[in-house]
């Protein structure tokens, strides 16, 4: 599959930035606001923003359950910041009625690093991403408090009061980061996700169908 079709959830957040980076990595992108716009996707990105607002809008527009079905059905997904919260099976420090899409066997703490004024930038080594540490932007960011046995920890904070905290994870075809790679000019995490979508068996369309064997990327 030379040109995967990746949707970006477009209810709120860094939609344009994610689409631009994904297209720079050879993907075709589209905005997802309605259930029918999930059909035929090869992958899905859940951007940063405000997780409670995104979840409420998804519920209001009849999109939350189709998103759950798509991720549960094997559609590759990547969530950054609020997207990590939305993909978590369990939340801490969240409103009692906050809903998630799920798909990651993790417990995520919302706003774990503090308020907006506590936003910061750091370097994070991410397993599977070559070329040295990733420059990470944390904005009212969550972290993974606990990861299940089937979850691969890809990255942790190094140094400072949050030393060792988990900020990047993968479970099968679902990936999440606490930080915003779409804001830094470092395209490697998006390339990592696009290549994941391209892998044999990595693609499962949102309608539940499989396209069979998928071409390996030549890059």
N, C-alpha and C. Protein backbone atom coordinates (compact mmCIF):
# COMPACT_ATOMS: atom_id res chain seq x y z
N UNK A 1 0.85 -1.18 0.00
CA UNK A 1 0.00 0.00 0.00
C UNK A 1 0.90 1.24 0.00
N UNK A 2 0.94 1.93 -1.13
CA UNK A 2 1.86 3.06 -1.23
C UNK A 2 1.29 4.34 -0.64
N UNK A 3 -0.03 4.50 -0.71
CA UNK A 3 -0.65 5.73 -0.22
C UNK A 3 -1.80 5.40 0.73
N UNK A 4 -1.50 5.18 2.01
CA UNK A 4 -2.58 4.87 2.96
C UNK A 4 -3.48 6.08 3.18
N UNK A 5 -4.74 5.80 3.45
CA UNK A 5 -5.73 6.85 3.73
C UNK A 5 -5.92 6.93 5.24
N UNK A 6 -5.47 8.01 5.83
CA UNK A 6 -5.53 8.19 7.29
C UNK A 6 -6.46 9.35 7.62
N UNK A 7 -7.45 9.06 8.44
CA UNK A 7 -8.37 10.09 8.90
C UNK A 7 -7.85 10.77 10.15
N UNK A 8 -8.18 12.04 10.31
CA UNK A 8 -7.83 12.79 11.52
C UNK A 8 -9.14 13.27 12.15
N UNK A 9 -9.39 12.84 13.38
CA UNK A 9 -10.60 13.27 14.09
C UNK A 9 -10.60 14.79 14.18
N UNK A 10 -11.65 15.41 13.65
CA UNK A 10 -11.63 16.86 13.43
C UNK A 10 -12.72 17.57 14.22
N UNK A 11 -12.91 17.16 15.47
CA UNK A 11 -13.90 17.82 16.32
C UNK A 11 -13.30 19.02 17.06
N UNK A 12 -11.98 18.97 17.29
CA UNK A 12 -11.29 20.04 18.01
C UNK A 12 -9.82 19.67 18.05
N UNK A 13 -8.94 20.65 18.14
CA UNK A 13 -7.53 20.36 18.33
C UNK A 13 -6.68 20.59 17.09
N UNK A 14 -5.49 19.95 17.08
CA UNK A 14 -4.45 20.22 16.08
C UNK A 14 -4.68 19.42 14.80
N UNK A 15 -5.82 19.60 14.18
CA UNK A 15 -6.20 18.80 13.02
C UNK A 15 -5.33 19.15 11.81
N UNK A 16 -5.24 20.41 11.49
CA UNK A 16 -4.49 20.84 10.31
C UNK A 16 -3.02 20.45 10.40
N UNK A 17 -2.44 20.59 11.58
CA UNK A 17 -1.02 20.28 11.77
C UNK A 17 -0.75 18.79 11.53
N UNK A 18 -1.61 17.93 12.09
CA UNK A 18 -1.43 16.49 11.89
C UNK A 18 -1.58 16.13 10.41
N UNK A 19 -2.57 16.69 9.76
CA UNK A 19 -2.79 16.35 8.35
C UNK A 19 -1.59 16.74 7.50
N UNK A 20 -1.02 17.90 7.78
CA UNK A 20 0.12 18.37 7.00
C UNK A 20 1.31 17.43 7.14
N UNK A 21 1.59 16.99 8.38
CA UNK A 21 2.74 16.10 8.59
C UNK A 21 2.48 14.73 7.97
N UNK A 22 1.30 14.19 8.13
CA UNK A 22 0.97 12.89 7.55
C UNK A 22 1.09 12.91 6.04
N UNK A 23 0.61 13.97 5.42
CA UNK A 23 0.70 14.07 3.96
C UNK A 23 2.14 14.19 3.50
N UNK A 24 2.98 14.81 4.33
CA UNK A 24 4.40 14.88 4.03
C UNK A 24 5.09 13.53 4.11
N UNK A 25 4.46 12.57 4.77
CA UNK A 25 5.00 11.22 4.88
C UNK A 25 4.35 10.26 3.88
N UNK A 26 3.62 10.80 2.93
CA UNK A 26 3.08 9.98 1.85
C UNK A 26 1.68 9.46 2.06
N UNK A 27 0.98 9.92 3.09
CA UNK A 27 -0.38 9.48 3.33
C UNK A 27 -1.38 10.44 2.68
N UNK A 28 -2.55 9.92 2.36
CA UNK A 28 -3.69 10.76 2.00
C UNK A 28 -4.53 10.94 3.26
N UNK A 29 -5.00 12.15 3.53
CA UNK A 29 -5.73 12.39 4.77
C UNK A 29 -7.12 12.96 4.50
N UNK A 30 -7.97 12.81 5.49
CA UNK A 30 -9.29 13.42 5.44
C UNK A 30 -9.74 13.71 6.86
N UNK A 31 -10.62 14.69 7.00
CA UNK A 31 -11.18 15.04 8.30
C UNK A 31 -12.32 14.09 8.65
N UNK A 32 -12.40 13.70 9.91
CA UNK A 32 -13.46 12.80 10.38
C UNK A 32 -14.32 13.55 11.39
N UNK A 33 -15.57 13.80 11.01
CA UNK A 33 -16.52 14.46 11.91
C UNK A 33 -17.82 13.66 12.04
N UNK A 34 -18.06 12.76 11.10
CA UNK A 34 -19.30 11.97 11.08
C UNK A 34 -18.97 10.50 10.93
N UNK A 35 -19.85 9.62 11.41
CA UNK A 35 -19.57 8.19 11.36
C UNK A 35 -19.23 7.68 9.97
N UNK A 36 -19.92 8.16 8.95
CA UNK A 36 -19.67 7.66 7.60
C UNK A 36 -18.28 8.00 7.09
N UNK A 37 -17.62 8.99 7.71
CA UNK A 37 -16.28 9.37 7.27
C UNK A 37 -15.20 8.43 7.80
N UNK A 38 -15.59 7.46 8.61
CA UNK A 38 -14.67 6.41 9.04
C UNK A 38 -14.53 5.31 8.00
N UNK A 39 -15.50 5.20 7.12
CA UNK A 39 -15.51 4.10 6.15
C UNK A 39 -14.32 4.19 5.20
N UNK A 40 -13.63 3.08 5.03
CA UNK A 40 -12.53 3.01 4.08
C UNK A 40 -11.20 3.52 4.58
N UNK A 41 -11.12 3.96 5.84
CA UNK A 41 -9.85 4.46 6.35
C UNK A 41 -8.87 3.31 6.61
N UNK A 42 -7.59 3.59 6.42
CA UNK A 42 -6.53 2.65 6.75
C UNK A 42 -5.94 2.93 8.13
N UNK A 43 -6.16 4.13 8.66
CA UNK A 43 -5.64 4.51 9.97
C UNK A 43 -6.37 5.75 10.45
N UNK A 44 -6.19 6.07 11.73
CA UNK A 44 -6.89 7.18 12.36
C UNK A 44 -5.97 7.89 13.34
N UNK A 45 -5.97 9.22 13.31
CA UNK A 45 -5.21 10.01 14.27
C UNK A 45 -6.18 10.81 15.13
N UNK A 46 -5.94 10.76 16.44
CA UNK A 46 -6.72 11.52 17.42
C UNK A 46 -5.83 12.63 17.95
N UNK A 47 -6.10 13.88 17.60
CA UNK A 47 -5.17 14.97 17.91
C UNK A 47 -5.28 15.47 19.34
N UNK A 48 -4.33 16.34 19.69
CA UNK A 48 -4.42 17.04 20.95
C UNK A 48 -5.59 18.02 20.94
N UNK A 49 -5.92 18.51 22.10
CA UNK A 49 -7.05 19.42 22.26
C UNK A 49 -7.54 19.31 23.69
N UNK A 50 -8.85 19.31 23.88
CA UNK A 50 -9.43 19.17 25.21
C UNK A 50 -10.25 17.89 25.20
N UNK A 51 -9.79 16.90 25.94
CA UNK A 51 -10.36 15.55 25.81
C UNK A 51 -11.84 15.49 26.18
N UNK A 52 -12.25 16.21 27.21
CA UNK A 52 -13.66 16.16 27.59
C UNK A 52 -14.54 16.77 26.50
N UNK A 53 -14.08 17.86 25.90
CA UNK A 53 -14.84 18.49 24.83
C UNK A 53 -14.94 17.57 23.62
N UNK A 54 -13.82 16.94 23.24
CA UNK A 54 -13.82 16.04 22.09
C UNK A 54 -14.77 14.87 22.34
N UNK A 55 -14.73 14.28 23.53
CA UNK A 55 -15.60 13.14 23.83
C UNK A 55 -17.07 13.54 23.80
N UNK A 56 -17.39 14.71 24.36
CA UNK A 56 -18.79 15.15 24.37
C UNK A 56 -19.29 15.43 22.95
N UNK A 57 -18.45 16.05 22.12
CA UNK A 57 -18.85 16.31 20.74
C UNK A 57 -19.02 14.99 19.97
N UNK A 58 -18.12 14.05 20.21
CA UNK A 58 -18.23 12.76 19.53
C UNK A 58 -19.52 12.05 19.92
N UNK A 59 -19.90 12.11 21.19
CA UNK A 59 -21.15 11.52 21.64
C UNK A 59 -22.34 12.23 21.01
N UNK A 60 -22.31 13.57 20.99
CA UNK A 60 -23.42 14.36 20.46
C UNK A 60 -23.65 14.08 18.99
N UNK A 61 -22.58 13.87 18.24
CA UNK A 61 -22.68 13.69 16.79
C UNK A 61 -22.75 12.21 16.38
N UNK A 62 -22.95 11.33 17.36
CA UNK A 62 -23.12 9.92 17.05
C UNK A 62 -21.85 9.24 16.58
N UNK A 63 -20.70 9.77 16.98
CA UNK A 63 -19.42 9.27 16.48
C UNK A 63 -18.68 8.41 17.49
N UNK A 64 -19.01 8.52 18.77
CA UNK A 64 -18.21 7.86 19.80
C UNK A 64 -18.24 6.34 19.66
N UNK A 65 -19.42 5.77 19.54
CA UNK A 65 -19.50 4.31 19.42
C UNK A 65 -18.89 3.79 18.12
N UNK A 66 -19.10 4.45 16.96
CA UNK A 66 -18.38 4.01 15.76
C UNK A 66 -16.86 4.09 15.90
N UNK A 67 -16.35 5.10 16.61
CA UNK A 67 -14.91 5.16 16.87
C UNK A 67 -14.45 3.98 17.70
N UNK A 68 -15.22 3.64 18.72
CA UNK A 68 -14.87 2.49 19.55
C UNK A 68 -14.86 1.21 18.73
N UNK A 69 -15.88 1.05 17.90
CA UNK A 69 -15.97 -0.16 17.07
C UNK A 69 -14.79 -0.24 16.10
N UNK A 70 -14.40 0.91 15.52
CA UNK A 70 -13.30 0.92 14.56
C UNK A 70 -11.99 0.52 15.21
N UNK A 71 -11.67 1.11 16.37
CA UNK A 71 -10.41 0.79 17.05
C UNK A 71 -10.44 -0.65 17.56
N UNK A 72 -11.58 -1.06 18.12
CA UNK A 72 -11.72 -2.43 18.61
C UNK A 72 -11.60 -3.43 17.46
N UNK A 73 -12.04 -3.02 16.26
CA UNK A 73 -11.98 -3.88 15.10
C UNK A 73 -10.61 -3.96 14.45
N UNK A 74 -9.64 -3.21 14.95
CA UNK A 74 -8.28 -3.32 14.45
C UNK A 74 -7.79 -2.17 13.61
N UNK A 75 -8.57 -1.08 13.50
CA UNK A 75 -8.11 0.07 12.73
C UNK A 75 -6.91 0.69 13.44
N UNK A 76 -5.74 0.80 12.80
CA UNK A 76 -4.60 1.44 13.46
C UNK A 76 -4.93 2.87 13.88
N UNK A 77 -4.51 3.23 15.08
CA UNK A 77 -4.83 4.56 15.61
C UNK A 77 -3.62 5.13 16.34
N UNK A 78 -3.47 6.45 16.22
CA UNK A 78 -2.41 7.16 16.96
C UNK A 78 -3.05 8.35 17.64
N UNK A 79 -2.81 8.49 18.94
CA UNK A 79 -3.34 9.62 19.70
C UNK A 79 -2.23 10.42 20.35
N UNK A 80 -2.27 11.75 20.20
CA UNK A 80 -1.30 12.62 20.86
C UNK A 80 -2.00 13.45 21.91
N UNK A 81 -1.45 13.49 23.11
CA UNK A 81 -1.95 14.28 24.24
C UNK A 81 -3.40 13.93 24.54
N UNK A 82 -4.37 14.77 24.18
CA UNK A 82 -5.77 14.43 24.41
C UNK A 82 -6.13 13.12 23.73
N UNK A 83 -5.47 12.83 22.59
CA UNK A 83 -5.70 11.57 21.91
C UNK A 83 -5.30 10.38 22.75
N UNK A 84 -4.22 10.52 23.54
CA UNK A 84 -3.83 9.46 24.47
C UNK A 84 -4.92 9.23 25.50
N UNK A 85 -5.48 10.31 26.03
CA UNK A 85 -6.57 10.20 27.01
C UNK A 85 -7.76 9.47 26.40
N UNK A 86 -8.11 9.83 25.17
CA UNK A 86 -9.26 9.23 24.51
C UNK A 86 -9.06 7.74 24.23
N UNK A 87 -7.82 7.32 24.01
CA UNK A 87 -7.54 5.91 23.71
C UNK A 87 -7.37 5.06 24.97
N UNK A 88 -7.29 5.68 26.13
CA UNK A 88 -7.06 4.94 27.37
C UNK A 88 -8.32 4.20 27.81
N UNK A 89 -8.12 3.00 28.36
CA UNK A 89 -9.25 2.26 28.93
C UNK A 89 -9.66 2.81 30.28
N UNK A 90 -8.72 3.47 31.00
CA UNK A 90 -9.01 3.97 32.34
C UNK A 90 -8.36 5.33 32.54
N UNK A 91 -9.04 6.20 33.31
CA UNK A 91 -8.55 7.56 33.56
C UNK A 91 -8.48 7.86 35.04
N UNK A 92 -7.51 8.70 35.40
CA UNK A 92 -7.42 9.29 36.73
C UNK A 92 -7.56 10.80 36.61
N UNK A 93 -8.09 11.43 37.65
CA UNK A 93 -8.27 12.88 37.69
C UNK A 93 -9.16 13.36 36.54
N UNK A 94 -10.17 12.59 36.22
CA UNK A 94 -11.10 12.94 35.14
C UNK A 94 -12.49 13.12 35.73
N UNK A 95 -13.34 13.92 35.09
CA UNK A 95 -14.74 13.99 35.52
C UNK A 95 -15.37 12.60 35.52
N UNK A 96 -16.27 12.38 36.45
CA UNK A 96 -16.85 11.05 36.61
C UNK A 96 -17.57 10.57 35.35
N UNK A 97 -18.06 11.52 34.56
CA UNK A 97 -18.84 11.13 33.39
C UNK A 97 -18.02 11.17 32.09
N UNK A 98 -16.70 11.36 32.19
CA UNK A 98 -15.90 11.44 30.96
C UNK A 98 -15.81 10.08 30.29
N UNK A 99 -16.11 10.06 29.00
CA UNK A 99 -16.05 8.83 28.22
C UNK A 99 -14.76 8.79 27.40
N UNK A 100 -14.34 7.58 27.09
CA UNK A 100 -13.18 7.41 26.21
C UNK A 100 -13.53 6.44 25.08
N UNK A 101 -12.67 6.39 24.09
CA UNK A 101 -12.82 5.43 23.00
C UNK A 101 -12.25 4.09 23.44
N UNK A 102 -11.13 4.12 24.17
CA UNK A 102 -10.48 2.90 24.62
C UNK A 102 -9.63 2.28 23.52
N UNK A 103 -9.04 1.15 23.85
CA UNK A 103 -8.16 0.46 22.92
C UNK A 103 -6.78 0.23 23.48
N UNK A 104 -6.41 1.01 24.50
CA UNK A 104 -5.13 0.85 25.17
C UNK A 104 -5.37 0.41 26.62
N UNK A 105 -4.76 -0.70 27.00
CA UNK A 105 -4.90 -1.21 28.36
C UNK A 105 -3.97 -0.42 29.29
N UNK A 106 -4.32 0.84 29.49
CA UNK A 106 -3.51 1.73 30.32
C UNK A 106 -4.43 2.56 31.22
N UNK A 107 -3.84 3.02 32.31
CA UNK A 107 -4.48 4.03 33.15
C UNK A 107 -3.73 5.34 32.92
N UNK A 108 -4.44 6.36 32.46
CA UNK A 108 -3.83 7.64 32.12
C UNK A 108 -4.30 8.70 33.10
N UNK A 109 -3.35 9.49 33.59
CA UNK A 109 -3.67 10.60 34.48
C UNK A 109 -3.75 11.90 33.66
N UNK A 110 -4.90 12.52 33.66
CA UNK A 110 -5.09 13.77 32.92
C UNK A 110 -4.31 14.91 33.57
N UNK A 111 -3.82 15.84 32.73
CA UNK A 111 -3.11 17.03 33.21
C UNK A 111 -2.05 16.67 34.26
N UNK A 112 -1.36 15.56 34.01
CA UNK A 112 -0.44 15.03 35.02
C UNK A 112 0.73 15.95 35.29
N UNK A 113 1.17 16.70 34.27
CA UNK A 113 2.34 17.56 34.43
C UNK A 113 1.98 18.95 34.96
N UNK A 114 0.68 19.21 35.15
CA UNK A 114 0.27 20.50 35.67
C UNK A 114 -0.58 21.28 34.69
N UNK A 115 -0.77 22.55 34.99
CA UNK A 115 -1.64 23.42 34.20
C UNK A 115 -0.90 23.95 32.98
N UNK A 116 -1.61 24.79 32.21
CA UNK A 116 -1.05 25.33 30.98
C UNK A 116 0.30 26.02 31.22
N UNK A 117 0.41 26.72 32.35
CA UNK A 117 1.66 27.45 32.64
C UNK A 117 2.83 26.49 32.91
N UNK A 118 2.52 25.22 33.17
CA UNK A 118 3.56 24.23 33.43
C UNK A 118 3.98 23.48 32.18
N UNK A 119 3.50 23.92 31.02
CA UNK A 119 3.89 23.28 29.76
C UNK A 119 5.40 23.42 29.57
N UNK A 120 6.01 22.41 28.91
CA UNK A 120 7.46 22.43 28.75
C UNK A 120 7.85 21.61 27.54
N UNK A 121 9.14 21.67 27.20
CA UNK A 121 9.70 20.89 26.10
C UNK A 121 10.85 20.05 26.64
N UNK A 122 11.03 18.86 26.06
CA UNK A 122 12.07 17.96 26.53
C UNK A 122 12.49 17.04 25.39
N UNK A 123 13.53 16.24 25.63
CA UNK A 123 13.98 15.24 24.67
C UNK A 123 13.59 13.86 25.21
N UNK A 124 12.97 13.05 24.37
CA UNK A 124 12.49 11.74 24.79
C UNK A 124 12.98 10.69 23.81
N UNK A 125 13.64 9.66 24.32
CA UNK A 125 14.01 8.52 23.51
C UNK A 125 12.76 7.67 23.29
N UNK A 126 12.45 7.39 22.02
CA UNK A 126 11.26 6.61 21.69
C UNK A 126 11.70 5.34 20.98
N UNK A 127 11.39 4.20 21.58
CA UNK A 127 11.76 2.91 21.00
C UNK A 127 11.13 2.76 19.62
N UNK A 128 11.92 2.31 18.66
CA UNK A 128 11.42 2.12 17.30
C UNK A 128 11.56 3.33 16.42
N UNK A 129 11.98 4.46 16.99
CA UNK A 129 12.18 5.69 16.23
C UNK A 129 13.68 5.98 16.21
N UNK A 130 14.29 5.79 15.06
CA UNK A 130 15.73 5.96 14.93
C UNK A 130 16.10 7.43 14.82
N UNK A 131 17.40 7.72 15.04
CA UNK A 131 17.89 9.08 14.83
C UNK A 131 18.04 9.90 16.07
N UNK A 132 17.99 9.28 17.24
CA UNK A 132 18.17 10.03 18.48
C UNK A 132 16.86 10.44 19.11
N UNK A 133 16.94 11.18 20.23
CA UNK A 133 15.73 11.55 20.96
C UNK A 133 14.78 12.39 20.12
N UNK A 134 13.50 12.27 20.44
CA UNK A 134 12.45 13.07 19.83
C UNK A 134 12.27 14.34 20.67
N UNK A 135 12.20 15.49 20.01
CA UNK A 135 11.93 16.74 20.73
C UNK A 135 10.43 16.78 21.03
N UNK A 136 10.09 16.78 22.30
CA UNK A 136 8.70 16.62 22.73
C UNK A 136 8.17 17.88 23.37
N UNK A 137 6.97 18.29 22.95
CA UNK A 137 6.27 19.44 23.51
C UNK A 137 5.12 18.93 24.36
N UNK A 138 5.14 19.26 25.65
CA UNK A 138 4.11 18.82 26.60
C UNK A 138 3.24 20.03 26.96
N UNK A 139 1.95 19.95 26.66
CA UNK A 139 1.01 21.04 26.94
C UNK A 139 -0.16 20.48 27.74
N UNK A 140 -0.22 20.79 29.03
CA UNK A 140 -1.25 20.22 29.92
C UNK A 140 -1.32 18.72 29.68
N UNK A 141 -0.18 18.09 29.66
CA UNK A 141 -0.07 16.73 29.15
C UNK A 141 -0.45 15.68 30.19
N UNK A 142 -0.95 14.55 29.71
CA UNK A 142 -1.16 13.39 30.57
C UNK A 142 0.12 12.56 30.66
N UNK A 143 0.11 11.56 31.51
CA UNK A 143 1.10 10.50 31.43
C UNK A 143 0.40 9.18 31.72
N UNK A 144 1.07 8.09 31.42
CA UNK A 144 0.53 6.76 31.69
C UNK A 144 0.94 6.36 33.10
N UNK A 145 -0.05 6.23 33.94
CA UNK A 145 0.20 5.85 35.34
C UNK A 145 0.49 4.35 35.46
N UNK A 146 -0.20 3.57 34.67
CA UNK A 146 -0.04 2.11 34.72
C UNK A 146 -0.33 1.53 33.35
N UNK A 147 0.52 0.61 32.90
CA UNK A 147 0.34 -0.04 31.61
C UNK A 147 0.13 -1.54 31.81
N UNK A 148 -0.82 -2.09 31.05
CA UNK A 148 -1.10 -3.52 31.14
C UNK A 148 0.02 -4.35 30.54
N UNK A 149 -0.07 -5.66 30.73
CA UNK A 149 0.99 -6.57 30.30
C UNK A 149 1.20 -6.54 28.79
N UNK A 150 0.15 -6.27 28.02
CA UNK A 150 0.26 -6.29 26.57
C UNK A 150 0.68 -4.97 25.97
N UNK A 151 1.01 -3.99 26.80
CA UNK A 151 1.36 -2.65 26.33
C UNK A 151 2.87 -2.50 26.32
N UNK A 152 3.41 -2.06 25.19
CA UNK A 152 4.84 -1.79 25.07
C UNK A 152 5.11 -0.32 25.42
N UNK A 153 5.97 -0.11 26.38
CA UNK A 153 6.37 1.26 26.73
C UNK A 153 7.43 1.71 25.74
N UNK A 154 7.13 2.77 24.99
CA UNK A 154 8.05 3.28 23.97
C UNK A 154 8.93 4.41 24.47
N UNK A 155 8.45 5.18 25.46
CA UNK A 155 9.22 6.33 25.91
C UNK A 155 8.86 6.78 27.30
N UNK A 156 9.88 7.29 28.01
CA UNK A 156 9.70 7.82 29.36
C UNK A 156 10.41 9.17 29.47
N UNK A 157 9.95 9.98 30.39
CA UNK A 157 10.63 11.23 30.70
C UNK A 157 11.95 10.91 31.37
N UNK A 158 12.97 11.66 31.02
CA UNK A 158 14.29 11.48 31.63
C UNK A 158 14.69 12.75 32.36
N UNK A 159 14.86 12.66 33.67
CA UNK A 159 15.25 13.81 34.47
C UNK A 159 14.09 14.61 35.00
N UNK A 160 14.34 15.44 35.98
CA UNK A 160 13.32 16.32 36.56
C UNK A 160 12.38 15.58 37.47
N UNK A 161 11.36 16.28 37.99
CA UNK A 161 10.44 15.68 38.96
C UNK A 161 9.59 14.57 38.39
N UNK A 162 9.45 14.52 37.05
CA UNK A 162 8.64 13.47 36.43
C UNK A 162 9.49 12.35 35.86
N UNK A 163 10.73 12.25 36.31
CA UNK A 163 11.66 11.26 35.77
C UNK A 163 11.05 9.86 35.80
N UNK A 164 11.12 9.17 34.65
CA UNK A 164 10.63 7.81 34.56
C UNK A 164 9.17 7.68 34.19
N UNK A 165 8.43 8.76 34.14
CA UNK A 165 7.02 8.69 33.78
C UNK A 165 6.86 8.27 32.32
N UNK A 166 5.86 7.43 32.06
CA UNK A 166 5.63 6.88 30.73
C UNK A 166 4.88 7.90 29.88
N UNK A 167 5.44 8.21 28.70
CA UNK A 167 4.83 9.23 27.84
C UNK A 167 4.64 8.76 26.40
N UNK A 168 4.97 7.50 26.11
CA UNK A 168 4.71 6.95 24.78
C UNK A 168 4.51 5.45 24.91
N UNK A 169 3.43 4.94 24.29
CA UNK A 169 3.09 3.52 24.41
C UNK A 169 2.55 2.99 23.09
N UNK A 170 2.58 1.66 22.99
CA UNK A 170 1.99 0.99 21.84
C UNK A 170 1.37 -0.32 22.30
N UNK A 171 0.20 -0.61 21.79
CA UNK A 171 -0.43 -1.91 21.99
C UNK A 171 -0.96 -2.38 20.63
N UNK A 172 -0.24 -3.28 20.00
CA UNK A 172 -0.62 -3.71 18.67
C UNK A 172 -0.55 -2.57 17.68
N UNK A 173 -1.68 -2.25 17.06
CA UNK A 173 -1.72 -1.18 16.07
C UNK A 173 -2.18 0.15 16.65
N UNK A 174 -2.20 0.27 17.98
CA UNK A 174 -2.62 1.50 18.64
C UNK A 174 -1.41 2.12 19.34
N UNK A 175 -1.14 3.39 19.02
CA UNK A 175 0.03 4.12 19.55
C UNK A 175 -0.46 5.41 20.18
N UNK A 176 0.20 5.84 21.24
CA UNK A 176 -0.16 7.11 21.86
C UNK A 176 1.06 7.77 22.48
N UNK A 177 1.07 9.10 22.45
CA UNK A 177 2.11 9.88 23.11
C UNK A 177 1.46 10.99 23.94
N UNK A 178 2.13 11.34 25.04
CA UNK A 178 1.66 12.45 25.87
C UNK A 178 1.91 13.79 25.21
N UNK A 179 2.83 13.82 24.26
CA UNK A 179 3.32 15.07 23.69
C UNK A 179 2.82 15.26 22.26
N UNK A 180 3.19 16.41 21.67
CA UNK A 180 2.67 16.88 20.39
C UNK A 180 3.76 16.89 19.32
N UNK A 181 4.02 15.79 18.63
CA UNK A 181 5.05 15.82 17.59
C UNK A 181 4.66 16.67 16.38
N UNK A 182 3.38 16.93 16.22
CA UNK A 182 2.93 17.73 15.07
C UNK A 182 3.33 19.20 15.18
N UNK A 183 3.83 19.61 16.35
CA UNK A 183 4.17 21.02 16.57
C UNK A 183 5.67 21.30 16.49
N UNK A 184 6.48 20.27 16.25
CA UNK A 184 7.93 20.45 16.41
C UNK A 184 8.71 20.46 15.10
N UNK A 185 8.13 19.99 14.03
CA UNK A 185 8.88 19.84 12.79
C UNK A 185 9.62 18.52 12.70
N UNK A 186 9.58 17.71 13.74
CA UNK A 186 10.17 16.37 13.73
C UNK A 186 9.09 15.41 13.26
N UNK A 187 9.28 14.84 12.09
CA UNK A 187 8.24 14.03 11.45
C UNK A 187 8.34 12.53 11.77
N UNK A 188 9.28 12.13 12.60
CA UNK A 188 9.58 10.71 12.73
C UNK A 188 8.45 9.89 13.35
N UNK A 189 7.72 10.45 14.30
CA UNK A 189 6.62 9.68 14.90
C UNK A 189 5.48 9.49 13.91
N UNK A 190 5.20 10.50 13.11
CA UNK A 190 4.19 10.33 12.07
C UNK A 190 4.64 9.31 11.03
N UNK A 191 5.93 9.33 10.69
CA UNK A 191 6.46 8.34 9.76
C UNK A 191 6.33 6.94 10.36
N UNK A 192 6.63 6.82 11.65
CA UNK A 192 6.48 5.55 12.37
C UNK A 192 5.05 5.04 12.24
N UNK A 193 4.07 5.93 12.42
CA UNK A 193 2.67 5.50 12.34
C UNK A 193 2.27 5.16 10.91
N UNK A 194 2.68 5.97 9.96
CA UNK A 194 2.36 5.67 8.56
C UNK A 194 2.93 4.31 8.16
N UNK A 195 4.16 4.01 8.58
CA UNK A 195 4.76 2.72 8.27
C UNK A 195 4.03 1.58 8.98
N UNK A 196 3.54 1.83 10.19
CA UNK A 196 2.74 0.83 10.90
C UNK A 196 1.48 0.50 10.10
N UNK A 197 0.83 1.54 9.58
CA UNK A 197 -0.38 1.34 8.78
C UNK A 197 -0.07 0.54 7.52
N UNK A 198 1.10 0.77 6.95
CA UNK A 198 1.48 0.10 5.70
C UNK A 198 1.87 -1.36 5.89
N UNK A 199 2.17 -1.78 7.10
CA UNK A 199 2.68 -3.13 7.33
C UNK A 199 1.62 -4.18 7.01
N UNK A 200 2.05 -5.36 6.56
CA UNK A 200 1.10 -6.45 6.37
C UNK A 200 0.32 -6.73 7.65
N UNK A 201 -0.99 -6.77 7.54
CA UNK A 201 -1.82 -7.01 8.71
C UNK A 201 -2.06 -5.76 9.53
N UNK A 202 -1.42 -4.64 9.19
CA UNK A 202 -1.61 -3.41 9.95
C UNK A 202 -2.86 -2.67 9.57
N UNK A 203 -3.41 -3.02 8.43
CA UNK A 203 -4.57 -2.30 7.94
C UNK A 203 -5.85 -3.09 8.14
N UNK A 204 -6.78 -2.53 8.84
CA UNK A 204 -8.11 -3.11 8.98
C UNK A 204 -9.09 -1.97 8.85
N UNK A 205 -9.83 -1.95 7.78
CA UNK A 205 -10.68 -0.80 7.49
C UNK A 205 -11.75 -0.64 8.57
N UNK A 206 -12.28 0.58 8.69
CA UNK A 206 -13.25 0.87 9.74
C UNK A 206 -14.55 0.10 9.53
N UNK A 207 -14.83 -0.37 8.30
CA UNK A 207 -16.03 -1.14 8.07
C UNK A 207 -15.84 -2.62 8.40
N UNK A 208 -14.63 -2.97 8.96
CA UNK A 208 -14.37 -4.33 9.40
C UNK A 208 -13.77 -5.22 8.35
N UNK A 209 -13.66 -4.74 7.11
CA UNK A 209 -13.12 -5.56 6.03
C UNK A 209 -11.61 -5.51 6.04
N UNK A 210 -11.00 -6.53 5.45
CA UNK A 210 -9.56 -6.56 5.30
C UNK A 210 -9.22 -6.57 3.83
N UNK A 211 -8.13 -5.90 3.47
CA UNK A 211 -7.73 -5.85 2.09
C UNK A 211 -6.67 -6.90 1.77
N UNK A 212 -6.48 -7.88 2.67
CA UNK A 212 -5.53 -8.95 2.40
C UNK A 212 -4.10 -8.49 2.62
N UNK A 213 -3.21 -9.04 1.82
CA UNK A 213 -1.80 -8.75 1.99
C UNK A 213 -1.52 -7.29 1.61
N UNK A 214 -0.73 -6.63 2.42
CA UNK A 214 -0.39 -5.24 2.20
C UNK A 214 1.08 -5.14 1.84
N UNK A 215 1.39 -4.31 0.90
CA UNK A 215 2.77 -4.17 0.45
C UNK A 215 3.64 -3.60 1.56
N UNK A 216 4.83 -4.13 1.67
CA UNK A 216 5.84 -3.53 2.55
C UNK A 216 6.27 -2.20 1.95
N UNK A 217 6.54 -1.23 2.81
CA UNK A 217 7.08 0.02 2.32
C UNK A 217 8.51 -0.19 1.85
N UNK A 218 8.90 0.54 0.83
CA UNK A 218 10.27 0.42 0.34
C UNK A 218 11.21 1.37 1.02
N UNK A 219 10.72 2.19 1.93
CA UNK A 219 11.56 3.15 2.63
C UNK A 219 12.12 2.56 3.89
